């Protein structure tokens, strides 16, 4: 129901609703800078990559991963 309401409001505002497949993309576990995936507990609120040492708020890192997924998706549809 919430998803339908969000889709409706996005459409009403002239936007495009895109659902990120979280089981595949794993935005809360993936580093937005190097793509390294590290499972985290819900209590871990800071993203600190063990590979590249990138550190930021976990929600911000997740949003960056989702934005990159969208850029990749849109870029591949233009070809």
Foldseek 3Di string as FASTA:
>chain_A
DVVVVVCVVCVVVVHHDDDDPCVVLVLLQAALPPRDGDDDDPVPQWDADPPPRDIDGSVVSSVSSVVVVVVVVVVVVVD
